[in-house]
């Protein structure tokens, strides 16, 4: 599968979430509600998840291989950085 579109919407929050993203594969399948999160080692992409039980979360969509995870994260973080460098162009 090829990544054909990445959308990133920066969020203003006091928490660690910096943006919400969606990613489209082959112009045919989209995954929404990925989060760009500020962690102790820098930014990373959190997969969409659902709250379960008392305070736990479970991913509802996620890559199977580490290579796929890296490709998704690289594409989303690149778009996030692009928008951070030129915020006026990022507004549609």
N, C-alpha and C. Protein backbone atom coordinates (compact mmCIF):
# COMPACT_ATOMS: atom_id res chain seq x y z
N UNK A 1 0.84 -1.19 0.00
CA UNK A 1 0.00 0.00 0.00
C UNK A 1 0.88 1.24 0.00
N UNK A 2 0.40 2.24 -0.70
CA UNK A 2 1.10 3.52 -0.76
C UNK A 2 0.31 4.57 0.01
N UNK A 3 1.03 5.43 0.70
CA UNK A 3 0.40 6.56 1.38
C UNK A 3 0.12 7.61 0.32
N UNK A 4 -1.16 7.97 0.15
CA UNK A 4 -1.52 8.92 -0.88
C UNK A 4 -1.95 10.28 -0.34
N UNK A 5 -2.23 10.36 0.96
CA UNK A 5 -2.57 11.65 1.56
C UNK A 5 -2.33 11.60 3.05
N UNK A 6 -1.83 12.71 3.58
CA UNK A 6 -1.67 12.88 5.02
C UNK A 6 -2.24 14.24 5.37
N UNK A 7 -3.13 14.26 6.34
CA UNK A 7 -3.68 15.52 6.85
C UNK A 7 -3.34 15.63 8.33
N UNK A 8 -2.88 16.79 8.71
CA UNK A 8 -2.52 17.04 10.11
C UNK A 8 -3.19 18.32 10.56
N UNK A 9 -3.88 18.24 11.68
CA UNK A 9 -4.55 19.41 12.25
C UNK A 9 -3.93 19.70 13.62
N UNK A 10 -3.11 20.74 13.72
CA UNK A 10 -2.53 21.08 15.02
C UNK A 10 -3.62 21.38 16.04
N UNK A 11 -3.36 21.03 17.29
CA UNK A 11 -4.30 21.32 18.37
C UNK A 11 -3.59 22.15 19.43
N UNK A 12 -4.36 23.01 20.03
CA UNK A 12 -3.84 23.79 21.16
C UNK A 12 -4.34 23.11 22.42
N UNK A 13 -3.41 22.63 23.21
CA UNK A 13 -3.82 21.97 24.44
C UNK A 13 -2.72 22.08 25.47
N UNK A 14 -3.10 21.93 26.73
CA UNK A 14 -2.12 21.93 27.80
C UNK A 14 -1.49 20.55 27.95
N UNK A 15 -2.05 19.57 27.28
CA UNK A 15 -1.55 18.21 27.37
C UNK A 15 -0.40 17.98 26.40
N UNK A 16 -0.13 16.73 26.12
CA UNK A 16 1.00 16.37 25.28
C UNK A 16 0.64 16.18 23.82
N UNK A 17 -0.66 16.18 23.47
CA UNK A 17 -1.07 16.03 22.09
C UNK A 17 -0.82 17.33 21.34
N UNK A 18 -0.10 17.23 20.22
CA UNK A 18 0.25 18.40 19.42
C UNK A 18 -0.59 18.52 18.16
N UNK A 19 -1.12 17.38 17.67
CA UNK A 19 -1.93 17.41 16.44
C UNK A 19 -2.74 16.13 16.33
N UNK A 20 -3.78 16.20 15.52
CA UNK A 20 -4.58 15.03 15.15
C UNK A 20 -4.37 14.84 13.65
N UNK A 21 -4.19 13.59 13.23
CA UNK A 21 -3.88 13.33 11.82
C UNK A 21 -4.80 12.26 11.24
N UNK A 22 -4.85 12.27 9.91
CA UNK A 22 -5.48 11.17 9.17
C UNK A 22 -4.53 10.81 8.05
N UNK A 23 -4.56 9.55 7.65
CA UNK A 23 -3.67 9.07 6.60
C UNK A 23 -4.48 8.20 5.65
N UNK A 24 -4.27 8.41 4.35
CA UNK A 24 -5.00 7.67 3.33
C UNK A 24 -4.03 6.78 2.57
N UNK A 25 -4.48 5.55 2.32
CA UNK A 25 -3.69 4.57 1.58
C UNK A 25 -4.34 4.30 0.23
N UNK A 26 -3.56 4.38 -0.83
CA UNK A 26 -4.02 4.06 -2.20
C UNK A 26 -5.32 4.76 -2.58
N UNK A 27 -5.53 5.97 -2.10
CA UNK A 27 -6.75 6.72 -2.38
C UNK A 27 -8.01 5.89 -2.11
N UNK A 28 -7.89 4.89 -1.21
CA UNK A 28 -9.01 3.97 -1.01
C UNK A 28 -9.35 3.68 0.45
N UNK A 29 -8.41 3.92 1.37
CA UNK A 29 -8.63 3.54 2.77
C UNK A 29 -8.02 4.62 3.65
N UNK A 30 -8.81 5.14 4.59
CA UNK A 30 -8.33 6.20 5.47
C UNK A 30 -8.38 5.74 6.93
N UNK A 31 -7.38 6.15 7.68
CA UNK A 31 -7.35 5.95 9.13
C UNK A 31 -7.30 7.35 9.75
N UNK A 32 -8.26 7.61 10.64
CA UNK A 32 -8.37 8.93 11.27
C UNK A 32 -8.05 8.83 12.75
N UNK A 33 -7.87 9.99 13.35
CA UNK A 33 -7.65 10.13 14.79
C UNK A 33 -6.31 9.58 15.28
N UNK A 34 -5.28 9.63 14.42
CA UNK A 34 -3.92 9.38 14.90
C UNK A 34 -3.49 10.65 15.61
N UNK A 35 -2.66 10.55 16.61
CA UNK A 35 -2.24 11.72 17.37
C UNK A 35 -0.74 11.90 17.28
N UNK A 36 -0.32 13.15 17.12
CA UNK A 36 1.09 13.51 17.25
C UNK A 36 1.26 13.91 18.70
N UNK A 37 2.12 13.18 19.41
CA UNK A 37 2.26 13.34 20.85
C UNK A 37 3.70 13.72 21.19
N UNK A 38 3.85 14.63 22.15
CA UNK A 38 5.17 15.01 22.66
C UNK A 38 5.51 14.06 23.80
N UNK A 39 6.49 13.19 23.57
CA UNK A 39 6.93 12.24 24.57
C UNK A 39 8.27 12.62 25.15
N UNK A 40 8.80 11.84 26.09
CA UNK A 40 10.08 12.15 26.71
C UNK A 40 11.25 12.15 25.71
N UNK A 41 11.10 11.41 24.62
CA UNK A 41 12.18 11.34 23.62
C UNK A 41 11.85 12.12 22.36
N UNK A 42 10.83 12.95 22.40
CA UNK A 42 10.44 13.74 21.24
C UNK A 42 9.06 13.34 20.74
N UNK A 43 8.75 13.77 19.52
CA UNK A 43 7.43 13.51 18.96
C UNK A 43 7.30 12.06 18.49
N UNK A 44 6.08 11.52 18.64
CA UNK A 44 5.76 10.21 18.08
C UNK A 44 4.29 10.20 17.69
N UNK A 45 3.91 9.20 16.90
CA UNK A 45 2.52 9.08 16.45
C UNK A 45 1.85 7.97 17.23
N UNK A 46 0.72 8.31 17.84
CA UNK A 46 -0.09 7.36 18.59
C UNK A 46 -1.25 6.91 17.70
N UNK A 47 -1.48 5.62 17.65
CA UNK A 47 -2.54 5.06 16.82
C UNK A 47 -3.91 5.35 17.45
N UNK A 48 -4.98 5.33 16.64
CA UNK A 48 -6.31 5.53 17.21
C UNK A 48 -6.62 4.45 18.24
N UNK A 49 -7.23 4.85 19.34
CA UNK A 49 -7.48 3.88 20.41
C UNK A 49 -8.84 4.13 21.04
N UNK A 50 -9.26 3.15 21.81
CA UNK A 50 -10.53 3.21 22.53
C UNK A 50 -10.25 2.91 24.00
N UNK A 51 -10.94 3.63 24.87
CA UNK A 51 -10.77 3.40 26.30
C UNK A 51 -11.44 2.09 26.68
N UNK A 52 -10.71 1.30 27.48
CA UNK A 52 -11.26 0.04 27.98
C UNK A 52 -11.07 -0.01 29.49
N UNK A 53 -12.06 -0.47 30.16
CA UNK A 53 -11.94 -0.67 31.60
C UNK A 53 -11.55 0.59 32.34
N UNK A 54 -10.83 0.38 33.43
CA UNK A 54 -10.45 1.47 34.33
C UNK A 54 -9.12 2.08 33.88
N UNK A 55 -9.18 3.04 32.98
CA UNK A 55 -7.99 3.78 32.61
C UNK A 55 -7.12 3.17 31.54
N UNK A 56 -7.47 2.04 30.98
CA UNK A 56 -6.66 1.43 29.93
C UNK A 56 -7.14 1.82 28.54
N UNK A 57 -6.27 1.67 27.56
CA UNK A 57 -6.61 1.95 26.17
C UNK A 57 -6.15 0.81 25.30
N UNK A 58 -6.86 0.58 24.19
CA UNK A 58 -6.48 -0.45 23.23
C UNK A 58 -6.55 0.17 21.83
N UNK A 59 -5.48 -0.02 21.03
CA UNK A 59 -5.47 0.46 19.66
C UNK A 59 -6.60 -0.20 18.89
N UNK A 60 -7.30 0.59 18.07
CA UNK A 60 -8.35 0.02 17.23
C UNK A 60 -7.89 -0.13 15.79
N UNK A 61 -6.77 0.47 15.46
CA UNK A 61 -6.13 0.30 14.15
C UNK A 61 -4.64 0.49 14.37
N UNK A 62 -3.84 -0.40 13.82
CA UNK A 62 -2.40 -0.27 14.00
C UNK A 62 -1.66 -1.08 12.95
N UNK A 63 -0.43 -0.66 12.62
CA UNK A 63 0.37 -1.41 11.65
C UNK A 63 0.84 -2.72 12.26
N UNK A 64 1.01 -3.72 11.42
CA UNK A 64 1.45 -5.03 11.88
C UNK A 64 2.97 -5.11 11.98
N UNK A 65 3.67 -4.44 11.06
CA UNK A 65 5.14 -4.52 11.06
C UNK A 65 5.75 -3.21 11.55
N UNK A 66 6.97 -3.30 12.04
CA UNK A 66 7.67 -2.10 12.48
C UNK A 66 7.99 -1.20 11.29
N UNK A 67 8.19 -1.80 10.12
CA UNK A 67 8.47 -1.00 8.92
C UNK A 67 7.26 -0.15 8.55
N UNK A 68 6.07 -0.74 8.62
CA UNK A 68 4.85 0.00 8.32
C UNK A 68 4.63 1.11 9.33
N UNK A 69 4.87 0.83 10.60
CA UNK A 69 4.73 1.85 11.65
C UNK A 69 5.68 3.01 11.38
N UNK A 70 6.91 2.70 11.02
CA UNK A 70 7.91 3.74 10.75
C UNK A 70 7.51 4.58 9.54
N UNK A 71 6.98 3.94 8.50
CA UNK A 71 6.56 4.67 7.30
C UNK A 71 5.41 5.62 7.62
N UNK A 72 4.45 5.16 8.40
CA UNK A 72 3.31 6.00 8.80
C UNK A 72 3.79 7.16 9.67
N UNK A 73 4.61 6.86 10.65
CA UNK A 73 5.11 7.90 11.56
C UNK A 73 5.93 8.94 10.81
N UNK A 74 6.80 8.49 9.91
CA UNK A 74 7.63 9.41 9.15
C UNK A 74 6.78 10.35 8.30
N UNK A 75 5.76 9.82 7.63
CA UNK A 75 4.90 10.64 6.78
C UNK A 75 4.12 11.67 7.60
N UNK A 76 3.58 11.26 8.72
CA UNK A 76 2.78 12.17 9.55
C UNK A 76 3.66 13.23 10.19
N UNK A 77 4.79 12.84 10.74
CA UNK A 77 5.67 13.82 11.38
C UNK A 77 6.25 14.80 10.36
N UNK A 78 6.52 14.34 9.13
CA UNK A 78 7.01 15.23 8.08
C UNK A 78 5.96 16.30 7.77
N UNK A 79 4.70 15.89 7.66
CA UNK A 79 3.62 16.86 7.40
C UNK A 79 3.45 17.80 8.58
N UNK A 80 3.56 17.29 9.80
CA UNK A 80 3.46 18.12 11.00
C UNK A 80 4.56 19.18 11.00
N UNK A 81 5.80 18.77 10.72
CA UNK A 81 6.93 19.71 10.70
C UNK A 81 6.77 20.73 9.58
N UNK A 82 6.29 20.29 8.42
CA UNK A 82 6.06 21.19 7.29
C UNK A 82 5.07 22.28 7.68
N UNK A 83 4.01 21.90 8.36
CA UNK A 83 3.02 22.88 8.80
C UNK A 83 3.57 23.79 9.88
N UNK A 84 4.42 23.25 10.75
CA UNK A 84 5.02 24.08 11.81
C UNK A 84 5.94 25.13 11.22
N UNK A 85 6.62 24.79 10.12
CA UNK A 85 7.53 25.75 9.47
C UNK A 85 6.77 26.83 8.70
N UNK A 86 5.60 26.49 8.17
CA UNK A 86 4.85 27.41 7.34
C UNK A 86 3.36 27.32 7.68
N UNK A 87 2.95 27.80 8.86
CA UNK A 87 1.57 27.63 9.31
C UNK A 87 0.53 28.29 8.42
N UNK A 88 0.87 29.37 7.72
CA UNK A 88 -0.10 30.06 6.87
C UNK A 88 -0.46 29.17 5.68
N UNK A 89 0.50 28.48 5.09
CA UNK A 89 0.24 27.60 3.95
C UNK A 89 -0.56 26.37 4.36
N UNK A 90 -0.51 26.00 5.63
CA UNK A 90 -1.20 24.80 6.09
C UNK A 90 -2.70 25.02 6.25
N UNK A 91 -3.13 26.27 6.34
CA UNK A 91 -4.55 26.57 6.51
C UNK A 91 -5.22 26.53 5.15
N UNK A 92 -6.28 25.72 5.01
CA UNK A 92 -6.99 25.59 3.73
C UNK A 92 -8.18 26.50 3.69
